[in-house]
Amino acid sequence: MSKPPLIRAVKAKSPAKSPAKSPAALEIIWSTGETLTVDVSRLIKRFKLYAPLKNAALFGKAKADPWGHAVNWPGEIDMGADQLYELAREQAGEWGPEHFSAWMEEHGLSLNTAADALGLSRRMIAHYRTGSRPIPRVVALACEGLSTRWKKRVA
């Protein structure tokens, strides 16, 4: 994404009732007016830097940085707005670059063939695949429609 929205406010969601589950959800209000909840448990498990966030008390101290470019915790731990926004959109059912790339690979499409199939320029396909531009819902729906059509032809 070329210019991600800024974080206006952030709130750590209450931990799950089960003590075995670590709190890992953030409710973020974005400069776009959207309020999205993002589950960051995958990041906490994957990167050692985020391991301290398994502690519910520390996770609950999440704050938006003064410029809106990250969520910060004590101990110089932060997560960038661009990564959080992309992850939140994907979790909300929006297509991200990983999903778009997987769609292209599943159907054996190059940039040119994907552009022809969707009626878009090769440059826009490259933007969607790399994440430098958000994927509009209409493009995601077109991809799903093409997948369905192509699967019916094979069957």
C-alpha atoms as a PDB file:
ATOM      1  CA  MET A   1       0.000   0.000   0.000  1.00  0.00           C
ATOM      2  CA  SER A   2       1.486   3.332  -0.981  1.00  0.00           C
ATOM      3  CA  LYS A   3       0.215   5.390   1.970  1.00  0.00           C
ATOM      4  CA  PRO A   4      -1.498   3.467   4.755  1.00  0.00           C
ATOM      5  CA  PRO A   5      -4.039   5.239   6.937  1.00  0.00           C
ATOM      6  CA  LEU A   6      -2.953   6.539  10.318  1.00  0.00           C
ATOM      7  CA  ILE A   7      -3.950   5.085  13.653  1.00  0.00           C
ATOM      8  CA  ARG A   8      -6.183   7.488  15.585  1.00  0.00           C
ATOM      9  CA  ALA A   9      -6.838   5.286  18.633  1.00  0.00           C
ATOM     10  CA  VAL A  10      -6.159   1.755  19.790  1.00  0.00           C
ATOM     11  CA  LYS A  11      -7.630  -0.437  22.489  1.00  0.00           C
ATOM     12  CA  ALA A  12      -6.472  -3.892  23.519  1.00  0.00           C
ATOM     13  CA  LYS A  13      -9.458  -6.232  23.559  1.00  0.00           C
ATOM     14  CA  SER A  14     -10.268  -8.140  26.727  1.00  0.00           C
ATOM     15  CA  PRO A  15      -8.491 -11.484  26.951  1.00  0.00           C
ATOM     16  CA  ALA A  16     -10.507 -14.583  26.131  1.00  0.00           C
ATOM     17  CA  LYS A  17     -12.259 -16.197  29.087  1.00  0.00           C
ATOM     18  CA  SER A  18      -9.970 -19.191  28.801  1.00  0.00           C
ATOM     19  CA  PRO A  19      -6.706 -18.515  30.668  1.00  0.00           C
ATOM     20  CA  ALA A  20      -4.865 -20.687  28.133  1.00  0.00           C
ATOM     21  CA  LYS A  21      -5.514 -18.137  25.404  1.00  0.00           C
ATOM     22  CA  SER A  22      -3.334 -15.066  25.320  1.00  0.00           C
ATOM     23  CA  PRO A  23      -4.881 -11.682  24.566  1.00  0.00           C
ATOM     24  CA  ALA A  24      -4.005 -10.818  21.034  1.00  0.00           C
ATOM     25  CA  ALA A  25      -6.682  -8.573  19.571  1.00  0.00           C
ATOM     26  CA  LEU A  26      -6.511  -4.823  19.007  1.00  0.00           C
ATOM     27  CA  GLU A  27      -9.426  -2.586  18.139  1.00  0.00           C
ATOM     28  CA  ILE A  28      -8.030   0.227  16.001  1.00  0.00           C
ATOM     29  CA  ILE A  29      -9.711   3.401  14.816  1.00  0.00           C
ATOM     30  CA  TRP A  30      -8.116   4.504  11.528  1.00  0.00           C
ATOM     31  CA  SER A  31      -7.881   7.913   9.868  1.00  0.00           C
ATOM     32  CA  THR A  32     -10.233   6.543   7.180  1.00  0.00           C
ATOM     33  CA  GLY A  33     -13.000   6.384   9.796  1.00  0.00           C
ATOM     34  CA  GLU A  34     -12.885   2.585   9.877  1.00  0.00           C
ATOM     35  CA  THR A  35     -12.795   0.713  13.166  1.00  0.00           C
ATOM     36  CA  LEU A  36     -11.199  -2.679  12.612  1.00  0.00           C
ATOM     37  CA  THR A  37     -10.289  -5.437  15.035  1.00  0.00           C
ATOM     38  CA  VAL A  38      -7.055  -7.221  14.273  1.00  0.00           C
ATOM     39  CA  ASP A  39      -5.828 -10.471  15.815  1.00  0.00           C
ATOM     40  CA  VAL A  40      -2.059 -10.213  16.214  1.00  0.00           C
ATOM     41  CA  SER A  41      -1.547 -13.616  17.863  1.00  0.00           C
ATOM     42  CA  ARG A  42       0.240 -14.937  14.761  1.00  0.00           C
ATOM     43  CA  LEU A  43       2.798 -12.126  14.987  1.00  0.00           C
ATOM     44  CA  ILE A  44       3.276 -12.663  18.724  1.00  0.00           C
ATOM     45  CA  LYS A  45       3.927 -16.381  18.198  1.00  0.00           C
ATOM     46  CA  ARG A  46       6.185 -15.906  15.180  1.00  0.00           C
ATOM     47  CA  PHE A  47       8.539 -13.123  16.277  1.00  0.00           C
ATOM     48  CA  LYS A  48      10.624 -13.227  19.467  1.00  0.00           C
ATOM     49  CA  LEU A  49      10.448  -9.438  19.704  1.00  0.00           C
ATOM     50  CA  TYR A  50       6.726  -9.734  20.480  1.00  0.00           C
ATOM     51  CA  ALA A  51       7.033 -12.573  23.030  1.00  0.00           C
ATOM     52  CA  PRO A  52       6.586 -10.205  26.013  1.00  0.00           C
ATOM     53  CA  LEU A  53       3.117  -9.353  24.649  1.00  0.00           C
ATOM     54  CA  LYS A  54       1.914 -12.780  25.787  1.00  0.00           C
ATOM     55  CA  ASN A  55       1.588 -11.083  29.173  1.00  0.00           C
ATOM     56  CA  ALA A  56      -1.991  -9.746  29.379  1.00  0.00           C
ATOM     57  CA  ALA A  57      -1.037  -6.763  31.532  1.00  0.00           C
ATOM     58  CA  LEU A  58       1.625  -5.626  29.064  1.00  0.00           C
ATOM     59  CA  PHE A  59      -0.561  -6.272  26.030  1.00  0.00           C
ATOM     60  CA  GLY A  60      -3.269  -4.116  27.622  1.00  0.00           C
ATOM     61  CA  LYS A  61      -0.918  -1.111  27.604  1.00  0.00           C
ATOM     62  CA  ALA A  62      -1.128  -0.728  23.826  1.00  0.00           C
ATOM     63  CA  LYS A  63      -1.157   2.905  22.658  1.00  0.00           C
ATOM     64  CA  ALA A  64      -1.108   4.618  19.287  1.00  0.00           C
ATOM     65  CA  ASP A  65       2.145   6.449  18.678  1.00  0.00           C
ATOM     66  CA  PRO A  66       1.784  10.259  18.535  1.00  0.00           C
ATOM     67  CA  TRP A  67       2.032  10.345  14.731  1.00  0.00           C
ATOM     68  CA  GLY A  68      -0.313   7.412  14.096  1.00  0.00           C
ATOM     69  CA  HIS A  69       2.260   5.249  12.357  1.00  0.00           C
ATOM     70  CA  ALA A  70       2.361   2.394  14.899  1.00  0.00           C
ATOM     71  CA  VAL A  71       0.971   0.786  18.029  1.00  0.00           C
ATOM     72  CA  ASN A  72       3.474   1.012  20.885  1.00  0.00           C
ATOM     73  CA  TRP A  73       3.978  -0.903  24.128  1.00  0.00           C
ATOM     74  CA  PRO A  74       6.402  -0.303  26.985  1.00  0.00           C
ATOM     75  CA  GLY A  75       9.824  -1.823  26.347  1.00  0.00           C
ATOM     76  CA  GLU A  76      10.172  -0.306  22.875  1.00  0.00           C
ATOM     77  CA  ILE A  77       7.824  -2.820  21.271  1.00  0.00           C
ATOM     78  CA  ASP A  78       5.800  -1.596  18.317  1.00  0.00           C
ATOM     79  CA  MET A  79       3.817  -2.787  15.302  1.00  0.00           C
ATOM     80  CA  GLY A  80       3.623  -0.663  12.172  1.00  0.00           C
ATOM     81  CA  ALA A  81       0.335   0.790  10.956  1.00  0.00           C
ATOM     82  CA  ASP A  82       0.816  -0.531   7.420  1.00  0.00           C
ATOM     83  CA  GLN A  83       1.201  -4.133   8.595  1.00  0.00           C
ATOM     84  CA  LEU A  84      -1.700  -3.859  11.045  1.00  0.00           C
ATOM     85  CA  TYR A  85      -4.034  -2.290   8.475  1.00  0.00           C
ATOM     86  CA  GLU A  86      -3.299  -4.945   5.859  1.00  0.00           C
ATOM     87  CA  LEU A  87      -3.737  -7.730   8.420  1.00  0.00           C
ATOM     88  CA  ALA A  88      -7.005  -6.219   9.712  1.00  0.00           C
ATOM     89  CA  ARG A  89      -8.424  -5.924   6.190  1.00  0.00           C
ATOM     90  CA  GLU A  90      -7.509  -9.525   5.374  1.00  0.00           C
ATOM     91  CA  GLN A  91      -9.082 -10.752   8.614  1.00  0.00           C
ATOM     92  CA  ALA A  92     -12.211  -8.753   7.757  1.00  0.00           C
ATOM     93  CA  GLY A  93     -12.491 -10.700   4.502  1.00  0.00           C
ATOM     94  CA  GLU A  94     -10.817  -8.200   2.182  1.00  0.00           C
ATOM     95  CA  TRP A  95      -8.245  -9.469  -0.281  1.00  0.00           C
ATOM     96  CA  GLY A  96      -4.624  -8.647   0.386  1.00  0.00           C
ATOM     97  CA  PRO A  97      -1.512  -9.159  -1.759  1.00  0.00           C
ATOM     98  CA  GLU A  98      -0.897 -12.684  -0.446  1.00  0.00           C
ATOM     99  CA  HIS A  99      -4.402 -13.779  -1.424  1.00  0.00           C
ATOM    100  CA  PHE A 100      -4.132 -12.106  -4.827  1.00  0.00           C
ATOM    101  CA  SER A 101      -0.761 -13.747  -5.526  1.00  0.00           C
ATOM    102  CA  ALA A 102      -2.135 -17.126  -4.468  1.00  0.00           C
ATOM    103  CA  TRP A 103      -5.093 -16.640  -6.857  1.00  0.00           C
ATOM    104  CA  MET A 104      -2.709 -15.893  -9.722  1.00  0.00           C
ATOM    105  CA  GLU A 105      -0.546 -18.902  -8.884  1.00  0.00           C
ATOM    106  CA  GLU A 106      -3.545 -21.232  -8.496  1.00  0.00           C
ATOM    107  CA  HIS A 107      -4.630 -20.416 -12.042  1.00  0.00           C
ATOM    108  CA  GLY A 108      -1.135 -20.203 -13.553  1.00  0.00           C
ATOM    109  CA  LEU A 109      -1.501 -16.535 -14.444  1.00  0.00           C
ATOM    110  CA  SER A 110       1.283 -14.140 -15.343  1.00  0.00           C
ATOM    111  CA  LEU A 111       0.909 -10.393 -14.900  1.00  0.00           C
ATOM    112  CA  ASN A 112      -0.195 -10.094 -18.527  1.00  0.00           C
ATOM    113  CA  THR A 113      -2.719 -12.939 -18.469  1.00  0.00           C
ATOM    114  CA  ALA A 114      -4.205 -11.752 -15.157  1.00  0.00           C
ATOM    115  CA  ALA A 115      -4.499  -8.234 -16.586  1.00  0.00           C
ATOM    116  CA  ASP A 116      -6.267  -9.561 -19.699  1.00  0.00           C
ATOM    117  CA  ALA A 117      -8.637 -11.729 -17.644  1.00  0.00           C
ATOM    118  CA  LEU A 118      -9.620  -8.848 -15.352  1.00  0.00           C
ATOM    119  CA  GLY A 119      -9.590  -6.097 -17.964  1.00  0.00           C
ATOM    120  CA  LEU A 120      -6.928  -4.162 -16.086  1.00  0.00           C
ATOM    121  CA  SER A 121      -3.452  -2.907 -16.883  1.00  0.00           C
ATOM    122  CA  ARG A 122      -0.395  -5.027 -16.154  1.00  0.00           C
ATOM    123  CA  ARG A 123       0.805  -2.230 -13.862  1.00  0.00           C
ATOM    124  CA  MET A 124      -2.326  -2.417 -11.671  1.00  0.00           C
ATOM    125  CA  ILE A 125      -1.968  -6.191 -11.375  1.00  0.00           C
ATOM    126  CA  ALA A 126       1.632  -5.654 -10.213  1.00  0.00           C
ATOM    127  CA  HIS A 127       0.426  -3.102  -7.630  1.00  0.00           C
ATOM    128  CA  TYR A 128      -2.192  -5.506  -6.279  1.00  0.00           C
ATOM    129  CA  ARG A 129       0.271  -8.390  -6.146  1.00  0.00           C
ATOM    130  CA  THR A 130       2.877  -6.392  -4.209  1.00  0.00           C
ATOM    131  CA  GLY A 131       0.438  -4.576  -1.950  1.00  0.00           C
ATOM    132  CA  SER A 132       1.455  -1.103  -3.114  1.00  0.00           C
ATOM    133  CA  ARG A 133      -2.237  -0.441  -3.855  1.00  0.00           C
ATOM    134  CA  PRO A 134      -5.247  -1.837  -2.003  1.00  0.00           C
ATOM    135  CA  ILE A 135      -7.317  -4.378  -3.908  1.00  0.00           C
ATOM    136  CA  PRO A 136     -10.814  -2.996  -4.539  1.00  0.00           C
ATOM    137  CA  ARG A 137     -13.689  -5.246  -3.549  1.00  0.00           C
ATOM    138  CA  VAL A 138     -14.898  -5.330  -7.170  1.00  0.00           C
ATOM    139  CA  VAL A 139     -11.538  -6.784  -8.289  1.00  0.00           C
ATOM    140  CA  ALA A 140     -11.641  -9.434  -5.542  1.00  0.00           C
ATOM    141  CA  LEU A 141     -15.185 -10.363  -6.586  1.00  0.00           C
ATOM    142  CA  ALA A 142     -14.099 -10.565 -10.239  1.00  0.00           C
ATOM    143  CA  CYS A 143     -11.275 -12.919  -9.244  1.00  0.00           C
ATOM    144  CA  GLU A 144     -13.679 -15.142  -7.329  1.00  0.00           C
ATOM    145  CA  GLY A 145     -16.111 -15.134 -10.247  1.00  0.00           C
ATOM    146  CA  LEU A 146     -13.385 -16.087 -12.710  1.00  0.00           C
ATOM    147  CA  SER A 147     -12.229 -18.880 -10.405  1.00  0.00           C
ATOM    148  CA  THR A 148     -15.754 -20.283 -10.299  1.00  0.00           C
ATOM    149  CA  ARG A 149     -16.131 -20.054 -14.082  1.00  0.00           C
ATOM    150  CA  TRP A 150     -12.775 -21.695 -14.733  1.00  0.00           C
ATOM    151  CA  LYS A 151     -13.455 -24.508 -12.241  1.00  0.00           C
ATOM    152  CA  LYS A 152     -16.811 -25.249 -13.952  1.00  0.00           C
ATOM    153  CA  ARG A 153     -15.063 -25.522 -17.335  1.00  0.00           C
ATOM    154  CA  VAL A 154     -12.636 -28.097 -15.956  1.00  0.00           C
ATOM    155  CA  ALA A 155     -15.373 -30.186 -14.334  1.00  0.00           C
END
